[in-house]
Every structure is written in structure tokens, then in C-alpha cells.
Amino acid sequence: DKQGNTTEYNEYNGDGKLTNKWTATYNKQGCRTKTVQYDENGKYAYHLEAKFDGNNNYIEAVAYDENGEVAYRWDYQITYDLKGNKSKEIEYRSEAKVPYSITIINIEYYQ
């Protein structure tokens, strides 16, 4: 698109057969808000919709199947340090109450 974001991706194997295809849309900040994934025949497989916080970090991603039903969901809980940088991210999958992953980021600031 005009901002340089990839809006369509096609990948082929050595025989020229399609192995991966997706299309994407982005918000004004350049964050990918919707990705549509296709199967090896170029037929719709599922789509993923994402939401972001004010720092353009994922806070939610939901995958929908061909019937529009929720197939999977990821929720993110993000903590920022006093300078506004991400210091911790907790990922939850589906409706789980237990974190799937926890990422802790340590940044040292020098004066």
C-alpha cells in the first residue's frame, strides 16, 4: 500500500505450486488489523482480526473460521515502564485463565 505495508503475500514451492497466501489490511498507524489466510488452492481458510493499544502493541487477536465462528483467541496484558517502554507481556490463549507465555523485558537507562 502507500505506506509500504505488504497487502498480499504469495509463496510458491520449487514446482510453482502455491504453498502460502494471505492478504492484509492495516490501520492508520501501520498495524495489521486483519489478515485473511488462504489454503494451497487459493481458497479462503480463515481470517484473523487484531486490536492494539495506544502504543501499537497487540492486546487481542481473534481467528475466525470459514463460517465466521471464533476458532481461536489470544489476549495480551501489557505493562509499561516509567519511560513508556514495554516491560512485560502476558499472553493468554482462548479462554484460559493461566498465561500461555510471559515475556519480561529489562531495559537499563543511562544518564
Protein backbone atom coordinates (compact mmCIF):
# COMPACT_ATOMS: atom_id res chain seq x y z
CA ASP A 1 0.00 0.00 0.00
CA LYS A 2 1.02 3.67 0.04
CA GLN A 3 2.63 3.27 3.48
CA GLY A 4 4.80 0.35 2.34
CA ASN A 5 2.79 -2.37 4.11
CA THR A 6 2.50 -5.79 2.47
CA THR A 7 -1.14 -6.22 1.47
CA GLU A 8 -0.80 -9.55 -0.35
CA TYR A 9 1.71 -12.35 0.04
CA ASN A 10 2.07 -15.41 -2.19
CA GLU A 11 4.64 -18.15 -1.68
CA TYR A 12 5.34 -20.99 -4.12
CA ASN A 13 7.43 -24.16 -3.92
CA GLY A 14 10.03 -25.18 -6.49
CA ASP A 15 7.33 -26.70 -8.72
CA GLY A 16 5.42 -23.43 -8.84
CA LYS A 17 2.64 -24.70 -6.55
CA LEU A 18 1.12 -22.18 -4.13
CA THR A 19 2.13 -23.04 -0.55
CA ASN A 20 1.14 -19.90 1.35
CA LYS A 21 -1.13 -16.96 0.56
CA TRP A 22 -2.57 -14.15 2.67
CA THR A 23 -3.93 -10.65 2.31
CA ALA A 24 -3.87 -7.93 4.94
CA THR A 25 -5.37 -4.58 5.88
CA TYR A 26 -3.79 -2.00 8.19
CA ASN A 27 -4.87 0.90 10.37
CA LYS A 28 -3.51 4.46 10.06
CA GLN A 29 -0.66 3.61 12.44
CA GLY A 30 0.51 0.77 10.15
CA CYS A 31 -0.68 -2.05 12.41
CA ARG A 32 -2.08 -5.10 10.64
CA THR A 33 -5.72 -5.23 11.77
CA LYS A 34 -6.97 -8.06 9.54
CA THR A 35 -5.24 -10.96 7.83
CA VAL A 36 -7.07 -13.36 5.53
CA GLN A 37 -5.32 -16.73 5.08
CA TYR A 38 -5.93 -18.93 2.04
CA ASP A 39 -5.26 -22.64 1.51
CA GLU A 40 -2.94 -24.15 -1.12
CA ASN A 41 -5.74 -23.87 -3.73
CA GLY A 42 -6.19 -20.14 -3.07
CA LYS A 43 -9.50 -20.75 -1.26
CA TYR A 44 -10.38 -18.84 1.93
CA ALA A 45 -9.22 -20.75 5.03
CA TYR A 46 -9.70 -18.31 7.94
CA HIS A 47 -9.10 -14.72 8.94
CA LEU A 48 -7.51 -13.04 11.92
CA GLU A 49 -8.59 -9.70 13.40
CA ALA A 50 -6.32 -7.80 15.78
CA LYS A 51 -6.73 -4.93 18.22
CA PHE A 52 -3.94 -2.71 19.51
CA ASP A 53 -3.30 -0.40 22.44
CA GLY A 54 -2.15 3.22 22.17
CA ASN A 55 1.46 2.01 21.78
CA ASN A 56 0.58 -0.18 18.77
CA ASN A 57 1.01 -3.42 20.71
CA TYR A 58 -1.38 -6.36 20.33
CA ILE A 59 -4.00 -6.55 23.05
CA GLU A 60 -6.27 -9.03 21.27
CA ALA A 61 -6.21 -11.29 18.23
CA VAL A 62 -9.16 -13.45 17.17
CA ALA A 63 -9.13 -16.10 14.43
CA TYR A 64 -12.40 -16.85 12.63
CA ASP A 65 -13.14 -19.97 10.58
CA GLU A 66 -14.92 -20.11 7.22
CA ASN A 67 -18.31 -19.93 8.99
CA GLY A 68 -17.38 -16.76 10.87
CA GLU A 69 -17.14 -18.65 14.17
CA VAL A 70 -14.32 -17.88 16.61
CA ALA A 71 -11.71 -20.60 16.14
CA TYR A 72 -9.08 -19.20 18.45
CA ARG A 73 -8.38 -16.14 20.57
CA TRP A 74 -5.27 -14.55 22.04
CA ASP A 75 -5.37 -11.84 24.68
CA TYR A 76 -2.38 -9.81 25.79
CA GLN A 77 -1.82 -7.95 29.03
CA ILE A 78 0.99 -5.42 28.64
CA THR A 79 2.84 -3.44 31.30
CA TYR A 80 4.98 -0.38 30.53
CA ASP A 81 7.85 1.15 32.46
CA LEU A 82 8.05 4.81 33.54
CA LYS A 83 9.51 5.79 30.15
CA GLY A 84 6.61 4.17 28.27
CA ASN A 85 8.51 1.14 27.01
CA LYS A 86 7.01 -2.34 27.21
CA SER A 87 8.37 -4.12 30.27
CA LYS A 88 6.11 -7.18 30.50
CA GLU A 89 3.71 -9.03 28.23
CA ILE A 90 1.42 -11.85 29.28
CA GLU A 91 -0.26 -13.90 26.54
CA TYR A 92 -3.45 -15.86 27.13
CA ARG A 93 -4.80 -18.35 24.58
CA SER A 94 -8.52 -18.92 24.07
CA GLU A 95 -10.40 -18.64 27.34
CA ALA A 96 -7.55 -19.91 29.50
CA LYS A 97 -7.05 -18.23 32.86
CA VAL A 98 -3.45 -19.42 33.02
CA PRO A 99 -0.91 -17.49 30.93
CA TYR A 100 0.42 -19.22 27.82
CA SER A 101 3.58 -17.14 27.91
CA ILE A 102 5.11 -14.35 29.95
CA THR A 103 7.77 -12.10 28.47
CA ILE A 104 9.74 -9.81 30.75
CA ILE A 105 11.85 -7.08 29.17
CA ASN A 106 14.61 -5.40 31.16
CA ILE A 107 15.84 -2.07 29.86
CA GLU A 108 18.70 -0.21 31.53
CA TYR A 109 18.72 3.55 31.16
CA TYR A 110 21.92 5.55 31.48
CA GLN A 111 22.22 9.26 32.27
